[in-house]
Protein backbone atom coordinates (compact mmCIF):
# COMPACT_ATOMS: atom_id res chain seq x y z
CA MET A 1 1.67 -20.34 14.28
CA LYS A 2 1.17 -17.06 12.47
CA SER A 3 4.16 -15.67 10.62
CA PRO A 4 5.37 -12.23 11.74
CA PRO A 5 4.52 -9.37 9.40
CA ARG A 6 7.26 -8.73 6.86
CA SER A 7 8.90 -5.40 6.79
CA ARG A 8 8.88 -3.40 3.55
CA SER A 9 11.61 -0.91 2.75
CA ASP A 10 9.97 0.24 -0.45
CA SER A 11 7.42 3.00 -0.82
CA LEU A 12 4.50 0.64 -1.41
CA GLU A 13 4.03 0.36 2.29
CA SER A 14 3.03 4.01 2.37
CA LEU A 15 0.33 3.59 -0.25
CA SER A 16 -3.14 3.02 1.22
CA ILE A 17 -5.54 0.79 -0.55
CA ASP A 18 -7.53 3.86 -1.72
CA ASP A 19 -4.35 5.39 -3.21
CA ARG A 20 -3.50 2.15 -4.93
CA ALA A 21 -7.02 1.85 -6.52
CA THR A 22 -7.15 5.32 -7.98
CA PRO A 23 -4.53 6.01 -10.77
CA ASP A 24 -4.95 9.80 -10.34
CA ALA A 25 -4.56 9.64 -6.64
CA ALA A 26 -1.78 11.65 -4.88
CA HIS A 27 0.80 8.88 -5.44
CA GLY A 28 -0.37 8.05 -8.89
CA GLU A 29 0.25 5.09 -11.15
CA SER A 30 3.82 6.20 -11.93
CA ALA A 31 4.70 6.11 -8.23
CA MET A 32 3.37 2.47 -7.99
CA VAL A 33 5.40 1.53 -11.11
CA GLU A 34 8.58 3.07 -9.58
CA ALA A 35 7.93 1.39 -6.20
CA LEU A 36 7.46 -2.05 -7.89
CA GLN A 37 10.64 -1.57 -9.92
CA ARG A 38 12.57 -0.74 -6.74
CA ARG A 39 11.06 -3.72 -4.95
CA ILE A 40 12.46 -6.21 -7.37
CA GLN A 41 15.88 -4.58 -7.63
CA ASP A 42 17.72 -7.08 -5.40
CA GLN A 43 15.42 -10.01 -5.95
CA PHE A 44 15.16 -12.99 -8.31
CA ALA A 45 12.95 -11.08 -10.68
CA SER A 46 15.72 -8.57 -11.32
CA LEU A 47 17.54 -11.32 -13.15
CA LEU A 48 14.81 -11.23 -15.79
CA GLY A 49 15.59 -7.61 -16.73
CA MET A 50 11.87 -6.71 -16.71
CA THR A 51 10.52 -3.19 -16.53
CA PHE A 52 7.10 -2.28 -15.09
CA ARG A 53 5.06 -0.02 -17.31
CA GLY A 54 1.77 0.25 -15.60
CA ALA A 55 0.38 -0.54 -12.14
CA SER A 56 -2.96 -0.32 -10.21
CA THR A 57 -5.08 -2.72 -8.26
CA GLU A 58 -6.79 -3.54 -11.53
CA HIS A 59 -3.77 -4.44 -13.59
CA VAL A 60 0.10 -4.61 -13.78
CA VAL A 61 1.91 -4.27 -17.15
CA ALA A 62 5.60 -5.05 -17.64
CA GLU A 63 7.90 -5.82 -20.49
CA MET A 64 11.26 -7.41 -21.09
CA VAL A 65 13.54 -8.15 -23.99
CA VAL A 66 14.24 -11.82 -24.53
CA GLU A 67 18.02 -12.28 -24.20
CA GLY A 68 20.22 -15.33 -24.63
CA ARG A 69 20.16 -16.00 -20.90
CA HIS A 70 16.33 -16.46 -21.16
CA CYS A 71 16.52 -18.98 -23.95
CA ARG A 72 16.77 -22.65 -24.59
CA SER A 73 18.00 -24.09 -27.83
CA GLU A 74 17.19 -22.45 -31.19
CA ASP A 75 16.98 -18.96 -29.54
CA VAL A 76 13.53 -19.64 -28.15
CA MET A 77 12.57 -18.28 -24.76
CA HIS A 78 12.60 -20.99 -22.04
CA GLY A 79 9.18 -21.71 -20.55
CA GLY A 80 10.53 -21.34 -17.05
CA ALA A 81 11.73 -17.80 -17.83
CA MET A 82 8.33 -16.94 -19.23
CA MET A 83 6.59 -18.44 -16.15
CA ALA A 84 8.95 -16.49 -13.82
CA PHE A 85 7.96 -13.26 -15.69
CA ALA A 86 4.25 -14.19 -15.28
CA ASP A 87 4.63 -15.08 -11.69
CA THR A 88 6.38 -11.82 -10.99
CA LEU A 89 3.49 -9.96 -12.55
CA GLY A 90 1.06 -11.86 -10.30
CA GLY A 91 3.13 -11.04 -7.24
CA ALA A 92 2.93 -7.36 -8.15
CA VAL A 93 -0.83 -7.48 -8.45
CA SER A 94 -0.92 -9.21 -5.02
CA ILE A 95 1.19 -6.53 -3.44
CA LEU A 96 -1.19 -3.86 -4.73
CA ASN A 97 -4.39 -5.75 -3.57
CA LEU A 98 -3.40 -7.01 -0.15
CA PRO A 99 -2.78 -5.18 3.10
CA GLY A 100 0.87 -4.19 3.65
CA ASP A 101 1.62 -6.80 6.33
CA THR A 102 0.21 -9.75 4.38
CA ARG A 103 2.40 -12.62 3.37
CA TRP A 104 1.41 -14.52 0.23
CA THR A 105 2.57 -17.23 -2.13
CA THR A 106 1.54 -18.66 -5.46
CA VAL A 107 -0.71 -21.65 -4.62
CA GLU A 108 -1.42 -22.80 -8.23
CA SER A 109 -0.31 -21.81 -11.67
CA LYS A 110 -1.50 -23.07 -14.97
CA THR A 111 0.19 -22.15 -18.23
CA ASN A 112 -0.77 -22.49 -21.89
CA PHE A 113 1.98 -21.80 -24.36
CA THR A 114 0.43 -20.98 -27.74
CA ALA A 115 3.39 -19.30 -29.36
CA VAL A 116 7.16 -18.72 -28.84
CA ALA A 117 9.13 -15.60 -28.06
CA LEU A 118 12.46 -15.45 -29.95
CA ARG A 119 15.70 -14.03 -28.81
CA GLY A 120 15.70 -10.26 -29.35
CA SER A 121 11.96 -9.91 -29.21
CA ARG A 122 10.21 -7.72 -26.62
CA ILE A 123 7.49 -9.41 -24.59
CA VAL A 124 4.71 -7.59 -22.78
CA GLY A 125 2.71 -9.02 -19.89
CA GLU A 126 -0.43 -7.85 -18.35
CA CYS A 127 -1.86 -9.39 -15.12
CA VAL A 128 -5.42 -8.67 -13.97
CA PRO A 129 -7.40 -10.00 -11.00
CA LEU A 130 -10.44 -12.10 -11.96
CA ASP A 131 -11.56 -12.71 -8.39
CA ARG A 132 -10.62 -11.20 -5.07
CA GLY A 133 -11.67 -13.68 -2.30
CA ARG A 134 -11.30 -13.50 1.40
CA ARG A 135 -8.12 -15.52 1.37
CA THR A 136 -7.11 -15.86 -2.29
CA LEU A 137 -6.76 -13.82 -5.46
CA VAL A 138 -7.40 -15.38 -8.87
CA LEU A 139 -5.34 -13.70 -11.47
CA GLN A 140 -4.93 -14.01 -15.23
CA THR A 141 -1.73 -13.11 -17.01
CA ARG A 142 -1.33 -12.71 -20.79
CA ILE A 143 2.02 -12.43 -22.37
CA THR A 144 2.48 -11.45 -25.92
CA THR A 145 5.30 -10.23 -28.13
CA GLU A 146 5.36 -6.54 -28.73
CA GLY A 147 3.54 -6.88 -31.99
CA GLY A 148 0.71 -8.98 -30.48
């Protein structure tokens, strides 16, 4: 049984694929950033305190400050909080690349942690599509501290 289309109260619904793909289109990248920020306002992702900084069909960039609520012992960011940040970036790329009435979910996620983010640091994440298939998107997300 096919799920009914979800309704969207944010302005992303009004963006056509052509508008989304072109940063200088009538709606522009800043409108996409604002729409994504509004979209997470009352959702789980809002608990992270993340802020979108760039958005197009080719990439989404966001940042957040690591606070005590994001940490495990020793003021180190919890891996689950970092993965939630990455998954939210992937969801944003999906929103911008799929038709407005499409439902989606993360089907697989692989994470390599090569460094820690400490309490008080600012992390920056960028998610880009590597492959756009008929039924799936393959995305890559890189998260760094503000200094790299």
